[in-house]
């Protein structure tokens, strides 16, 4: 399974984020939505992204590689066909209503992972909580996507593992 070197996409909404190595913390003293969008765009292979919820991680997912976020814009602002969301309560959303059935990751130190299979047809996205595969996965992933993570509250934090 290939894990590509990650960078932060230049259009991420980083005004409210402090970055310390692989740890990302909302620092602005407000409740602005902040989405960190990661490079590179993934177009082939099997790639896994692992997050540690250090407290307050709201949503993780993938989005089409053309999607951009601005300050105080959350993932709900984007067209559902361009984004896949796995929220802290365990709900998934992509092209339609939210689907319940995966475990939540609301506790500090919960690990949440996303595994893209861009070699499968159709492309798939599988979810894990603390290394346990979740029952609901998503198909029809766009041809090129980026991973992202979303925090809102001051002090909310996550780490890339």
Foldseek 3Di string as FASTA:
>chain_A
DDEDDKDWDPQWAPPQWDDDPQKIFRADQAQAKGKTWIDDKDQADKYKWKKFFQAFFFKKWKFAPVDGDHISDDPVVDDLQGIWIQTQCGWIGHDDDIDHFWHGQRDGGKMKMWIWHNVDVFIKIWIDINNHTTPDIDTPHDNIIIIMTMGGDHGGMMGID
